[in-house]
Protein backbone atom coordinates (compact mmCIF):
# COMPACT_ATOMS: atom_id res chain seq x y z
CA UNK A 1 18.01 -15.77 15.59
CA UNK A 2 14.77 -15.70 16.11
CA UNK A 3 12.01 -14.63 13.59
CA UNK A 4 9.48 -11.73 14.29
CA UNK A 5 5.65 -12.60 15.52
CA UNK A 6 2.99 -12.52 13.23
CA UNK A 7 -0.38 -12.01 13.46
CA UNK A 8 -2.91 -13.54 10.96
CA UNK A 9 -2.69 -10.16 8.65
CA UNK A 10 1.10 -9.57 8.66
CA UNK A 11 2.72 -10.83 5.55
CA UNK A 12 6.45 -11.87 5.70
CA UNK A 13 8.27 -9.34 2.74
CA UNK A 14 12.11 -10.72 3.13
CA UNK A 15 11.54 -11.84 6.20
CA UNK A 16 9.88 -8.98 7.35
CA UNK A 17 6.09 -9.08 8.24
CA UNK A 18 4.27 -6.38 6.44
CA UNK A 19 0.84 -4.95 7.40
CA UNK A 20 -1.66 -6.10 4.61
CA UNK A 21 -3.13 -2.84 4.63
CA UNK A 22 -0.27 -1.54 3.90
CA UNK A 23 1.22 -4.53 0.48
CA UNK A 24 -2.52 -3.53 -1.03
CA UNK A 25 -1.52 0.77 -0.53
CA UNK A 26 1.86 -0.72 -1.53
CA UNK A 27 0.45 -2.26 -4.76
CA UNK A 28 -2.73 0.04 -5.59
CA UNK A 29 0.21 3.46 -4.94
CA UNK A 30 1.76 1.81 -8.15
CA UNK A 31 -0.17 0.22 -10.55
CA UNK A 32 -1.94 3.38 -10.34
CA UNK A 33 1.32 5.53 -11.50
CA UNK A 34 2.16 3.05 -14.06
CA UNK A 35 -1.75 3.80 -15.78
CA UNK A 36 -1.66 8.30 -14.64
CA UNK A 37 2.05 8.11 -16.19
CA UNK A 38 1.28 5.77 -19.38
CA UNK A 39 -2.22 7.56 -20.09
CA UNK A 40 -0.61 11.35 -20.10
CA UNK A 41 3.78 10.61 -20.24
CA UNK A 42 4.11 13.37 -17.45
CA UNK A 43 5.94 12.13 -14.00
CA UNK A 44 4.90 14.59 -11.98
CA UNK A 45 0.95 14.34 -12.00
CA UNK A 46 1.49 9.92 -12.18
CA UNK A 47 3.91 10.38 -9.01
CA UNK A 48 1.23 12.39 -7.46
CA UNK A 49 -1.30 9.95 -7.90
CA UNK A 50 0.27 7.09 -7.17
CA UNK A 51 0.79 8.92 -4.26
CA UNK A 52 -2.37 9.77 -3.49
CA UNK A 53 -3.90 6.63 -4.37
CA UNK A 54 -1.65 4.60 -1.82
CA UNK A 55 -2.43 6.83 1.21
CA UNK A 56 -6.34 7.20 0.39
CA UNK A 57 -6.53 2.79 0.35
CA UNK A 58 -4.16 2.83 3.21
CA UNK A 59 -6.43 4.74 5.03
CA UNK A 60 -9.26 3.59 3.91
CA UNK A 61 -8.29 -0.18 4.52
CA UNK A 62 -5.77 0.72 8.28
CA UNK A 63 -10.13 1.70 8.96
CA UNK A 64 -11.78 -1.28 8.40
CA UNK A 65 -9.35 -3.59 9.70
CA UNK A 66 -9.16 -1.81 13.11
CA UNK A 67 -13.24 -0.24 13.19
CA UNK A 68 -12.69 2.24 16.56
CA UNK A 69 -14.90 0.38 19.24
């Protein structure tokens, strides 16, 4: 069995390489989901906030990691 080639910015999770910006986006979205869920006790607000924060963090970190030339 061969392993996938890893970049310096990849993290192995269950044998699958994940770019660090995606990992940070998932963690930020989960934290936002939990904080908004506890503060507002509203599932809809928590889910939308978590998704929005995750998307914003993922896009921002991707743009910072790979600037246009």
